[in-house]
Amino acid sequence: MKIFKSFLVLALLTLALATQAHMQQLSAEERALVLTFRMSQYLQLNESQKSEIMKAHQQFFEQMEVAKQQFGDQREMLKKRRRELFIARNTEFQKVLSKEQFERYTLKQKEEHQRMEMKREERKAAYEKRKASLPVASPKENLPTTPKK
């Protein structure tokens, strides 16, 4: 059993190092394992907390999969549902974690949000730079020419 747990921790560590793109390809249970493992590392969760956090993560990801199927291309509806599920998950976390752990968790969430915003702004700036460097055709260049008689 200890060997299995050691192997599981090693597997989780490997999964934890996966990029965000790879996270999207994992099942709800696998994503829940990765995030629970990460949280257990920086919050020093006990076994009971790990179990409850795992359940909350898994429920969140399963409900998100349902929402993606339900709303499809309706981005605003999906965004609203994701926010509702995120709030519900954080409420569960608050019940399970100590006050200090929850404060560390929320601080980490804010840092992650800021990091993502910075990346988004960098991508946007790079896009605008590429767009500005493209040659712009004048309206006359776009008109078809007619042969002169």
Protein backbone atom coordinates (compact mmCIF):
# COMPACT_ATOMS: atom_id res chain seq x y z
CA MET A 1 0.00 0.00 0.00
CA LYS A 2 2.87 2.40 0.82
CA ILE A 3 4.43 1.67 -2.56
CA PHE A 4 1.12 2.46 -4.23
CA LYS A 5 0.82 5.75 -2.32
CA SER A 6 4.41 6.67 -3.23
CA PHE A 7 3.71 5.89 -6.85
CA LEU A 8 0.49 7.92 -6.69
CA VAL A 9 2.33 10.92 -5.22
CA LEU A 10 4.98 10.65 -7.94
CA ALA A 11 2.28 10.42 -10.60
CA LEU A 12 0.49 13.41 -9.12
CA LEU A 13 3.69 15.40 -9.04
CA THR A 14 4.21 14.61 -12.71
CA LEU A 15 0.65 15.65 -13.46
CA ALA A 16 1.05 18.78 -11.36
CA LEU A 17 3.84 19.87 -13.65
CA ALA A 18 1.58 19.60 -16.67
CA THR A 19 0.80 22.81 -18.50
CA GLN A 20 -2.62 24.43 -18.47
CA ALA A 21 -3.30 23.05 -21.94
CA HIS A 22 -2.69 19.52 -20.72
CA MET A 23 -4.93 20.12 -17.69
CA GLN A 24 -7.85 20.63 -20.07
CA GLN A 25 -7.31 17.15 -21.48
CA LEU A 26 -7.48 15.44 -18.08
CA SER A 27 -10.67 13.96 -16.66
CA ALA A 28 -12.50 15.66 -13.81
CA GLU A 29 -11.03 13.18 -11.34
CA GLU A 30 -7.49 13.66 -12.63
CA ARG A 31 -7.76 17.46 -12.47
CA ALA A 32 -9.15 17.16 -8.95
CA LEU A 33 -6.17 14.99 -7.97
CA VAL A 34 -3.67 17.47 -9.40
CA LEU A 35 -5.22 20.50 -7.72
CA THR A 36 -5.70 18.68 -4.42
CA PHE A 37 -2.07 17.63 -4.50
CA ARG A 38 -0.95 21.22 -5.18
CA MET A 39 -3.14 22.55 -2.38
CA SER A 40 -1.90 19.90 0.04
CA GLN A 41 1.66 21.04 -0.65
CA TYR A 42 1.24 24.76 0.08
CA LEU A 43 -1.48 24.45 2.73
CA GLN A 44 -0.18 21.34 4.56
CA LEU A 45 -3.56 19.61 4.45
CA ASN A 46 -4.29 16.66 6.71
CA GLU A 47 -5.84 13.47 5.29
CA SER A 48 -9.40 14.48 6.19
CA GLN A 49 -8.96 17.87 4.52
CA LYS A 50 -7.43 16.26 1.42
CA SER A 51 -10.46 14.00 1.11
CA GLU A 52 -12.96 16.86 1.42
CA ILE A 53 -10.98 19.16 -0.91
CA MET A 54 -10.76 16.34 -3.45
CA LYS A 55 -14.54 15.90 -3.36
CA ALA A 56 -15.12 19.64 -3.83
CA HIS A 57 -12.68 19.81 -6.76
CA GLN A 58 -14.15 16.75 -8.43
CA GLN A 59 -17.70 18.05 -8.05
CA PHE A 60 -16.63 21.41 -9.51
CA PHE A 61 -15.01 19.84 -12.58
CA GLU A 62 -17.87 17.42 -13.19
CA GLN A 63 -20.39 20.27 -13.02
CA MET A 64 -18.20 22.35 -15.35
CA GLU A 65 -18.22 19.54 -17.91
CA VAL A 66 -22.02 19.46 -17.73
CA ALA A 67 -22.14 23.25 -18.12
CA LYS A 68 -19.86 23.12 -21.17
CA GLN A 69 -22.18 20.60 -22.81
CA GLN A 70 -25.26 22.55 -21.78
CA PHE A 71 -24.15 26.01 -22.87
CA GLY A 72 -21.81 25.15 -25.75
CA ASP A 73 -20.94 28.39 -27.52
CA GLN A 74 -22.85 30.65 -25.12
CA ARG A 75 -19.73 32.14 -23.55
CA GLU A 76 -21.48 34.54 -21.20
CA MET A 77 -23.75 31.84 -19.78
CA LEU A 78 -20.79 29.50 -19.33
CA LYS A 79 -18.80 32.27 -17.65
CA LYS A 80 -21.69 32.97 -15.27
CA ARG A 81 -22.06 29.26 -14.41
CA ARG A 82 -18.30 28.89 -13.89
CA ARG A 83 -18.39 31.82 -11.46
CA GLU A 84 -21.32 30.26 -9.53
CA LEU A 85 -19.49 26.94 -9.28
CA PHE A 86 -16.26 28.66 -8.23
CA ILE A 87 -18.08 30.46 -5.40
CA ALA A 88 -19.74 27.20 -4.27
CA ARG A 89 -16.38 25.41 -4.29
CA ASN A 90 -14.73 28.17 -2.28
CA THR A 91 -17.58 28.00 0.23
CA GLU A 92 -16.83 24.30 0.67
CA PHE A 93 -13.13 25.06 1.03
CA GLN A 94 -13.88 27.62 3.71
CA LYS A 95 -15.77 24.96 5.69
CA VAL A 96 -12.87 22.49 5.45
CA LEU A 97 -9.82 24.74 5.84
CA SER A 98 -8.66 26.56 8.93
CA LYS A 99 -8.87 30.35 8.84
CA GLU A 100 -5.11 30.65 8.16
CA GLN A 101 -5.23 28.01 5.41
CA PHE A 102 -8.16 29.71 3.71
CA GLU A 103 -6.37 33.07 3.85
CA ARG A 104 -3.30 31.50 2.21
CA TYR A 105 -5.55 29.87 -0.38
CA THR A 106 -7.30 33.15 -1.26
CA LEU A 107 -3.96 34.98 -1.42
CA LYS A 108 -2.64 32.33 -3.80
CA GLN A 109 -5.79 32.67 -5.92
CA LYS A 110 -5.32 36.44 -6.16
CA GLU A 111 -1.67 36.02 -7.14
CA GLU A 112 -2.63 33.49 -9.80
CA HIS A 113 -5.35 35.81 -11.12
CA GLN A 114 -2.85 38.69 -11.36
CA ARG A 115 -0.36 36.46 -13.14
CA MET A 116 -3.00 35.40 -15.66
CA GLU A 117 -4.03 39.03 -16.24
CA MET A 118 -0.40 39.99 -16.90
CA LYS A 119 -0.05 37.14 -19.40
CA ARG A 120 -3.28 38.20 -21.09
CA GLU A 121 -2.03 41.77 -21.38
CA GLU A 122 1.32 40.58 -22.76
CA ARG A 123 -0.44 38.48 -25.41
CA LYS A 124 -2.70 41.40 -26.29
CA ALA A 125 0.28 43.78 -26.62
CA ALA A 126 2.16 41.27 -28.80
CA TYR A 127 -0.92 40.88 -31.00
CA GLU A 128 -1.29 44.65 -31.36
CA LYS A 129 2.42 44.97 -32.20
CA ARG A 130 2.16 42.30 -34.90
CA LYS A 131 -1.00 43.88 -36.23
CA ALA A 132 0.63 47.33 -36.40
CA SER A 133 3.65 45.96 -38.27
CA LEU A 134 1.54 44.53 -41.10
CA PRO A 135 1.42 46.65 -44.24
CA VAL A 136 -1.88 48.40 -44.76
CA ALA A 137 -3.16 48.49 -48.31
CA SER A 138 -4.61 51.76 -49.52
CA PRO A 139 -8.14 51.69 -50.94
CA LYS A 140 -6.82 52.33 -54.48
CA GLU A 141 -4.63 49.23 -54.30
CA ASN A 142 -7.65 47.07 -53.58
CA LEU A 143 -9.67 48.22 -56.65
CA PRO A 144 -9.60 46.00 -59.68
CA THR A 145 -7.99 47.65 -62.66
CA THR A 146 -9.79 47.91 -65.95
CA PRO A 147 -7.86 47.91 -69.18
CA LYS A 148 -7.74 51.26 -71.02
CA LYS A 149 -9.02 51.39 -74.57
